[in-house]
Amino acid sequence: MPRILLIEDEELIRTMVALNLRRQGFEVDAFDRAEAMVDKAANGGYDLILLDIMLPGISGPEGLKRLRRQGVTTPVIMLTAVKDVSTKIDVLNLGADDYLAKPFDLGELTARVRALLRRSQAVAAPDTKEGQP
């Protein structure tokens, strides 16, 4: 079962996203602050991180920078109410793998999660066809 780390400070969104993903068969750990994410992501064995941009304390982009500096390569989808192109460019350049603006459809979020997990697993899995008879 894929493990997802969700960092979202808005309780209703956090609850709805976590519930939806759990119903889809994902294991979800949800927190409201990026401080919790940095240690958990480095040591938690997560397959994907959903990270809000505007968080109290450490912002989403700052948390993402810290993760990437620590060598954490877990795929990250940024969630935000900020819709300007420069913010998208900034977080993608910091190492985010995808970006989804609020309000978003839970079905679209789930589809993006599945697509990113497929891509990351395909990259992680060695090509076993080569060299076989």
N, C-alpha and C. Protein backbone atom coordinates (compact mmCIF):
# COMPACT_ATOMS: atom_id res chain seq x y z
N MET A 1 0.85 -1.17 0.00
CA MET A 1 0.00 0.00 0.00
C MET A 1 0.90 1.24 0.00
N PRO A 2 0.75 2.13 -0.98
CA PRO A 2 1.57 3.34 -1.02
C PRO A 2 1.30 4.24 0.19
N ARG A 3 2.39 4.83 0.68
CA ARG A 3 2.31 5.73 1.85
C ARG A 3 2.45 7.17 1.39
N ILE A 4 1.52 8.00 1.85
CA ILE A 4 1.50 9.41 1.49
C ILE A 4 1.61 10.26 2.74
N LEU A 5 2.45 11.28 2.66
CA LEU A 5 2.59 12.27 3.73
C LEU A 5 1.88 13.53 3.25
N LEU A 6 0.86 13.95 3.99
CA LEU A 6 0.06 15.13 3.66
C LEU A 6 0.33 16.23 4.66
N ILE A 7 0.75 17.40 4.16
CA ILE A 7 0.96 18.57 5.02
C ILE A 7 0.03 19.67 4.52
N GLU A 8 -1.00 19.95 5.29
CA GLU A 8 -2.03 20.94 4.91
C GLU A 8 -2.56 21.57 6.19
N ASP A 9 -2.49 22.90 6.30
CA ASP A 9 -2.90 23.54 7.54
C ASP A 9 -4.41 23.75 7.65
N GLU A 10 -5.14 23.74 6.54
CA GLU A 10 -6.59 23.90 6.60
C GLU A 10 -7.22 22.55 6.97
N GLU A 11 -7.79 22.49 8.16
CA GLU A 11 -8.27 21.22 8.70
C GLU A 11 -9.29 20.52 7.80
N LEU A 12 -10.24 21.26 7.24
CA LEU A 12 -11.25 20.63 6.40
C LEU A 12 -10.62 20.01 5.16
N ILE A 13 -9.73 20.73 4.52
CA ILE A 13 -9.06 20.19 3.32
C ILE A 13 -8.21 18.98 3.70
N ARG A 14 -7.45 19.10 4.78
CA ARG A 14 -6.60 17.99 5.24
C ARG A 14 -7.44 16.73 5.50
N THR A 15 -8.56 16.91 6.19
CA THR A 15 -9.43 15.78 6.51
C THR A 15 -10.04 15.17 5.26
N MET A 16 -10.54 16.00 4.35
CA MET A 16 -11.18 15.50 3.14
C MET A 16 -10.18 14.78 2.23
N VAL A 17 -9.00 15.36 2.06
CA VAL A 17 -7.98 14.73 1.20
C VAL A 17 -7.54 13.40 1.81
N ALA A 18 -7.26 13.39 3.10
CA ALA A 18 -6.81 12.16 3.75
C ALA A 18 -7.89 11.07 3.66
N LEU A 19 -9.13 11.43 3.94
CA LEU A 19 -10.23 10.47 3.87
C LEU A 19 -10.38 9.91 2.46
N ASN A 20 -10.36 10.78 1.46
CA ASN A 20 -10.49 10.36 0.07
C ASN A 20 -9.36 9.40 -0.32
N LEU A 21 -8.14 9.75 0.01
CA LEU A 21 -7.00 8.90 -0.36
C LEU A 21 -7.04 7.56 0.38
N ARG A 22 -7.45 7.57 1.63
CA ARG A 22 -7.57 6.31 2.38
C ARG A 22 -8.63 5.41 1.74
N ARG A 23 -9.73 6.00 1.30
CA ARG A 23 -10.77 5.22 0.62
C ARG A 23 -10.26 4.63 -0.69
N GLN A 24 -9.27 5.27 -1.29
CA GLN A 24 -8.68 4.78 -2.54
C GLN A 24 -7.58 3.76 -2.29
N GLY A 25 -7.32 3.44 -1.02
CA GLY A 25 -6.36 2.39 -0.70
C GLY A 25 -4.97 2.88 -0.33
N PHE A 26 -4.82 4.18 -0.09
CA PHE A 26 -3.52 4.72 0.30
C PHE A 26 -3.43 4.83 1.82
N GLU A 27 -2.24 4.69 2.34
CA GLU A 27 -1.99 4.96 3.75
C GLU A 27 -1.57 6.43 3.83
N VAL A 28 -2.22 7.21 4.69
CA VAL A 28 -1.98 8.65 4.75
C VAL A 28 -1.66 9.08 6.18
N ASP A 29 -0.54 9.79 6.31
CA ASP A 29 -0.22 10.48 7.56
C ASP A 29 -0.40 11.96 7.28
N ALA A 30 -1.22 12.65 8.08
CA ALA A 30 -1.56 14.04 7.81
C ALA A 30 -1.13 14.94 8.98
N PHE A 31 -0.50 16.06 8.62
CA PHE A 31 -0.04 17.04 9.60
C PHE A 31 -0.38 18.43 9.12
N ASP A 32 -0.35 19.40 10.05
CA ASP A 32 -0.71 20.77 9.68
C ASP A 32 0.48 21.71 9.58
N ARG A 33 1.69 21.22 9.81
CA ARG A 33 2.87 22.08 9.77
C ARG A 33 4.02 21.38 9.06
N ALA A 34 4.81 22.17 8.36
CA ALA A 34 5.94 21.62 7.60
C ALA A 34 7.05 21.11 8.52
N GLU A 35 7.13 21.64 9.73
CA GLU A 35 8.16 21.16 10.66
C GLU A 35 8.04 19.65 10.87
N ALA A 36 6.83 19.16 10.94
CA ALA A 36 6.60 17.71 11.11
C ALA A 36 7.07 16.95 9.88
N MET A 37 6.95 17.57 8.71
CA MET A 37 7.27 16.89 7.46
C MET A 37 8.75 16.62 7.29
N VAL A 38 9.58 17.57 7.63
CA VAL A 38 11.00 17.46 7.32
C VAL A 38 11.59 16.19 7.94
N ASP A 39 11.34 15.96 9.22
CA ASP A 39 11.87 14.75 9.87
C ASP A 39 11.14 13.50 9.39
N LYS A 40 9.82 13.57 9.30
CA LYS A 40 9.05 12.39 8.88
C LYS A 40 9.43 11.95 7.47
N ALA A 41 9.56 12.88 6.55
CA ALA A 41 9.86 12.53 5.15
C ALA A 41 11.25 11.94 5.02
N ALA A 42 12.18 12.42 5.80
CA ALA A 42 13.55 11.91 5.73
C ALA A 42 13.65 10.50 6.29
N ASN A 43 12.79 10.15 7.23
CA ASN A 43 12.90 8.85 7.90
C ASN A 43 11.67 7.95 7.76
N GLY A 44 10.61 8.43 7.11
CA GLY A 44 9.34 7.73 7.16
C GLY A 44 9.03 6.75 6.07
N GLY A 45 9.81 6.68 5.01
CA GLY A 45 9.53 5.73 3.94
C GLY A 45 8.28 6.05 3.16
N TYR A 46 8.04 7.33 2.88
CA TYR A 46 6.85 7.72 2.13
C TYR A 46 7.10 7.59 0.63
N ASP A 47 6.02 7.28 -0.10
CA ASP A 47 6.08 7.15 -1.55
C ASP A 47 5.76 8.46 -2.24
N LEU A 48 5.08 9.38 -1.54
CA LEU A 48 4.67 10.64 -2.12
C LEU A 48 4.36 11.63 -1.01
N ILE A 49 4.61 12.92 -1.29
CA ILE A 49 4.29 13.97 -0.33
C ILE A 49 3.34 14.96 -1.00
N LEU A 50 2.26 15.31 -0.30
CA LEU A 50 1.36 16.38 -0.71
C LEU A 50 1.63 17.54 0.24
N LEU A 51 2.04 18.67 -0.31
CA LEU A 51 2.53 19.77 0.52
C LEU A 51 1.87 21.08 0.14
N ASP A 52 1.21 21.69 1.11
CA ASP A 52 0.61 23.01 0.91
C ASP A 52 1.74 24.05 0.85
N ILE A 53 1.54 25.09 0.08
CA ILE A 53 2.55 26.13 -0.04
C ILE A 53 2.51 27.08 1.15
N MET A 54 1.31 27.55 1.49
CA MET A 54 1.18 28.55 2.54
C MET A 54 0.87 27.87 3.87
N LEU A 55 1.91 27.71 4.68
CA LEU A 55 1.79 27.05 5.98
C LEU A 55 2.31 27.97 7.07
N PRO A 56 1.81 27.81 8.30
CA PRO A 56 2.39 28.57 9.41
C PRO A 56 3.78 28.02 9.72
N GLY A 57 4.65 28.86 10.22
CA GLY A 57 6.01 28.41 10.53
C GLY A 57 6.81 28.28 9.25
N ILE A 58 7.32 27.11 8.99
CA ILE A 58 8.08 26.84 7.77
C ILE A 58 7.10 26.75 6.60
N SER A 59 7.30 27.56 5.58
CA SER A 59 6.42 27.51 4.41
C SER A 59 6.66 26.22 3.63
N GLY A 60 5.71 25.89 2.77
CA GLY A 60 5.87 24.72 1.91
C GLY A 60 7.14 24.77 1.07
N PRO A 61 7.40 25.89 0.36
CA PRO A 61 8.62 25.96 -0.43
C PRO A 61 9.90 25.81 0.41
N GLU A 62 9.91 26.40 1.61
CA GLU A 62 11.09 26.26 2.47
C GLU A 62 11.24 24.81 2.93
N GLY A 63 10.13 24.17 3.28
CA GLY A 63 10.18 22.75 3.65
C GLY A 63 10.67 21.89 2.50
N LEU A 64 10.22 22.19 1.30
CA LEU A 64 10.67 21.47 0.11
C LEU A 64 12.18 21.64 -0.10
N LYS A 65 12.66 22.87 0.05
CA LYS A 65 14.11 23.12 -0.07
C LYS A 65 14.90 22.28 0.93
N ARG A 66 14.42 22.24 2.16
CA ARG A 66 15.11 21.46 3.20
C ARG A 66 15.14 19.97 2.86
N LEU A 67 14.00 19.47 2.36
CA LEU A 67 13.96 18.06 1.97
C LEU A 67 14.97 17.75 0.88
N ARG A 68 14.98 18.56 -0.15
CA ARG A 68 15.87 18.31 -1.29
C ARG A 68 17.33 18.46 -0.87
N ARG A 69 17.64 19.40 0.04
CA ARG A 69 19.02 19.55 0.55
C ARG A 69 19.45 18.32 1.34
N GLN A 70 18.50 17.64 1.99
CA GLN A 70 18.80 16.43 2.75
C GLN A 70 18.89 15.21 1.85
N GLY A 71 18.63 15.39 0.57
CA GLY A 71 18.71 14.28 -0.37
C GLY A 71 17.43 13.47 -0.49
N VAL A 72 16.33 13.97 0.06
CA VAL A 72 15.05 13.28 -0.04
C VAL A 72 14.52 13.48 -1.46
N THR A 73 14.32 12.38 -2.18
CA THR A 73 13.87 12.44 -3.57
C THR A 73 12.41 12.03 -3.75
N THR A 74 11.70 11.85 -2.66
CA THR A 74 10.29 11.48 -2.71
C THR A 74 9.52 12.48 -3.57
N PRO A 75 8.67 12.01 -4.49
CA PRO A 75 7.88 12.93 -5.31
C PRO A 75 7.00 13.82 -4.44
N VAL A 76 6.87 15.09 -4.86
CA VAL A 76 6.09 16.08 -4.12
C VAL A 76 5.09 16.76 -5.06
N ILE A 77 3.84 16.79 -4.61
CA ILE A 77 2.81 17.59 -5.28
C ILE A 77 2.50 18.76 -4.36
N MET A 78 2.67 19.96 -4.87
CA MET A 78 2.37 21.16 -4.11
C MET A 78 0.89 21.48 -4.25
N LEU A 79 0.24 21.85 -3.14
CA LEU A 79 -1.16 22.25 -3.12
C LEU A 79 -1.22 23.71 -2.67
N THR A 80 -1.97 24.54 -3.39
CA THR A 80 -2.01 25.93 -3.00
C THR A 80 -3.20 26.69 -3.55
N ALA A 81 -3.55 27.75 -2.84
CA ALA A 81 -4.57 28.67 -3.32
C ALA A 81 -3.95 29.73 -4.23
N VAL A 82 -2.62 29.81 -4.25
CA VAL A 82 -1.91 30.78 -5.10
C VAL A 82 -1.88 30.23 -6.52
N LYS A 83 -2.39 31.01 -7.46
CA LYS A 83 -2.53 30.51 -8.83
C LYS A 83 -1.61 31.20 -9.83
N ASP A 84 -0.73 32.09 -9.38
CA ASP A 84 0.10 32.80 -10.35
C ASP A 84 1.22 31.90 -10.90
N VAL A 85 1.57 32.16 -12.12
CA VAL A 85 2.55 31.33 -12.83
C VAL A 85 3.92 31.37 -12.16
N SER A 86 4.31 32.53 -11.63
CA SER A 86 5.65 32.63 -11.02
C SER A 86 5.78 31.71 -9.81
N THR A 87 4.70 31.54 -9.04
CA THR A 87 4.75 30.62 -7.90
C THR A 87 4.91 29.18 -8.39
N LYS A 88 4.18 28.82 -9.44
CA LYS A 88 4.32 27.48 -10.02
C LYS A 88 5.76 27.24 -10.46
N ILE A 89 6.32 28.20 -11.17
CA ILE A 89 7.69 28.07 -11.67
C ILE A 89 8.66 27.93 -10.50
N ASP A 90 8.48 28.75 -9.48
CA ASP A 90 9.38 28.72 -8.32
C ASP A 90 9.39 27.35 -7.64
N VAL A 91 8.20 26.80 -7.35
CA VAL A 91 8.18 25.53 -6.63
C VAL A 91 8.64 24.36 -7.51
N LEU A 92 8.35 24.42 -8.80
CA LEU A 92 8.86 23.38 -9.69
C LEU A 92 10.38 23.45 -9.77
N ASN A 93 10.93 24.66 -9.80
CA ASN A 93 12.39 24.80 -9.81
C ASN A 93 13.04 24.39 -8.49
N LEU A 94 12.28 24.43 -7.40
CA LEU A 94 12.79 23.99 -6.10
C LEU A 94 12.80 22.47 -5.97
N GLY A 95 12.11 21.78 -6.89
CA GLY A 95 12.10 20.32 -6.83
C GLY A 95 10.74 19.68 -6.71
N ALA A 96 9.66 20.47 -6.77
CA ALA A 96 8.32 19.87 -6.77
C ALA A 96 8.12 19.12 -8.08
N ASP A 97 7.33 18.07 -8.03
CA ASP A 97 7.06 17.26 -9.21
C ASP A 97 5.76 17.63 -9.90
N ASP A 98 4.85 18.26 -9.15
CA ASP A 98 3.58 18.66 -9.71
C ASP A 98 3.02 19.76 -8.83
N TYR A 99 1.93 20.38 -9.30
CA TYR A 99 1.35 21.55 -8.65
C TYR A 99 -0.15 21.50 -8.90
N LEU A 100 -0.94 21.68 -7.86
CA LEU A 100 -2.38 21.66 -8.01
C LEU A 100 -2.98 22.83 -7.24
N ALA A 101 -3.73 23.69 -7.95
CA ALA A 101 -4.33 24.88 -7.34
C ALA A 101 -5.66 24.54 -6.67
N LYS A 102 -5.88 25.15 -5.52
CA LYS A 102 -7.15 25.03 -4.80
C LYS A 102 -8.13 26.03 -5.40
N PRO A 103 -9.40 25.74 -5.42
CA PRO A 103 -9.98 24.46 -5.05
C PRO A 103 -9.73 23.44 -6.16
N PHE A 104 -9.54 22.20 -5.76
CA PHE A 104 -9.29 21.14 -6.74
C PHE A 104 -10.30 20.03 -6.54
N ASP A 105 -10.47 19.26 -7.58
CA ASP A 105 -11.36 18.11 -7.55
C ASP A 105 -10.60 16.93 -6.93
N LEU A 106 -11.21 16.23 -6.00
CA LEU A 106 -10.53 15.11 -5.35
C LEU A 106 -10.19 14.00 -6.35
N GLY A 107 -11.02 13.83 -7.36
CA GLY A 107 -10.73 12.84 -8.40
C GLY A 107 -9.47 13.20 -9.17
N GLU A 108 -9.31 14.50 -9.48
CA GLU A 108 -8.10 14.93 -10.18
C GLU A 108 -6.87 14.75 -9.29
N LEU A 109 -6.98 15.08 -8.02
CA LEU A 109 -5.85 14.88 -7.11
C LEU A 109 -5.46 13.41 -7.07
N THR A 110 -6.44 12.53 -6.94
CA THR A 110 -6.16 11.09 -6.90
C THR A 110 -5.50 10.62 -8.18
N ALA A 111 -5.97 11.11 -9.33
CA ALA A 111 -5.37 10.73 -10.61
C ALA A 111 -3.92 11.21 -10.70
N ARG A 112 -3.65 12.42 -10.23
CA ARG A 112 -2.27 12.94 -10.24
C ARG A 112 -1.37 12.12 -9.30
N VAL A 113 -1.91 11.75 -8.14
CA VAL A 113 -1.15 10.92 -7.20
C VAL A 113 -0.80 9.59 -7.86
N ARG A 114 -1.78 8.95 -8.45
CA ARG A 114 -1.53 7.65 -9.10
C ARG A 114 -0.51 7.79 -10.25
N ALA A 115 -0.65 8.83 -11.06
CA ALA A 115 0.27 9.03 -12.18
C ALA A 115 1.69 9.24 -11.69
N LEU A 116 1.85 10.05 -10.68
CA LEU A 116 3.19 10.32 -10.16
C LEU A 116 3.80 9.08 -9.51
N LEU A 117 2.98 8.32 -8.81
CA LEU A 117 3.47 7.07 -8.22
C LEU A 117 3.88 6.07 -9.31
N ARG A 118 3.10 5.99 -10.38
CA ARG A 118 3.48 5.10 -11.50
C ARG A 118 4.82 5.51 -12.08
N ARG A 119 5.00 6.80 -12.33
CA ARG A 119 6.26 7.28 -12.90
C ARG A 119 7.43 7.04 -11.96
N SER A 120 7.25 7.32 -10.67
CA SER A 120 8.36 7.17 -9.74
C SER A 120 8.71 5.70 -9.53
N GLN A 121 7.72 4.82 -9.57
CA GLN A 121 8.00 3.39 -9.44
C GLN A 121 8.65 2.84 -10.69
N ALA A 122 8.28 3.36 -11.86
CA ALA A 122 8.90 2.91 -13.11
C ALA A 122 10.36 3.30 -13.15
N VAL A 123 10.68 4.48 -12.63
CA VAL A 123 12.07 4.93 -12.60
C VAL A 123 12.87 4.10 -11.59
N ALA A 124 12.24 3.78 -10.46
CA ALA A 124 12.94 3.04 -9.41
C ALA A 124 13.14 1.57 -9.76
N ALA A 125 12.24 1.01 -10.57
CA ALA A 125 12.32 -0.42 -10.91
C ALA A 125 13.32 -0.62 -12.04
N PRO A 126 14.25 -1.57 -11.89
CA PRO A 126 15.20 -1.84 -12.97
C PRO A 126 14.50 -2.50 -14.15
N ASP A 127 15.05 -2.29 -15.33
CA ASP A 127 14.50 -2.91 -16.54
C ASP A 127 14.95 -4.37 -16.55
N THR A 128 14.02 -5.28 -16.31
CA THR A 128 14.37 -6.71 -16.21
C THR A 128 14.30 -7.41 -17.55
N LYS A 129 13.88 -6.73 -18.59
CA LYS A 129 13.77 -7.37 -19.91
C LYS A 129 15.13 -7.51 -20.57
N GLU A 130 16.02 -6.56 -20.31
CA GLU A 130 17.33 -6.62 -20.96
C GLU A 130 18.13 -7.79 -20.43
N GLY A 131 18.77 -8.49 -21.32
CA GLY A 131 19.65 -9.58 -20.94
C GLY A 131 18.94 -10.90 -20.65
N GLN A 132 17.63 -10.94 -20.74
CA GLN A 132 16.91 -12.19 -20.50
C GLN A 132 16.72 -12.90 -21.83
N PRO A 133 16.79 -14.26 -21.81
CA PRO A 133 16.57 -15.01 -23.06
C PRO A 133 15.19 -14.89 -23.61
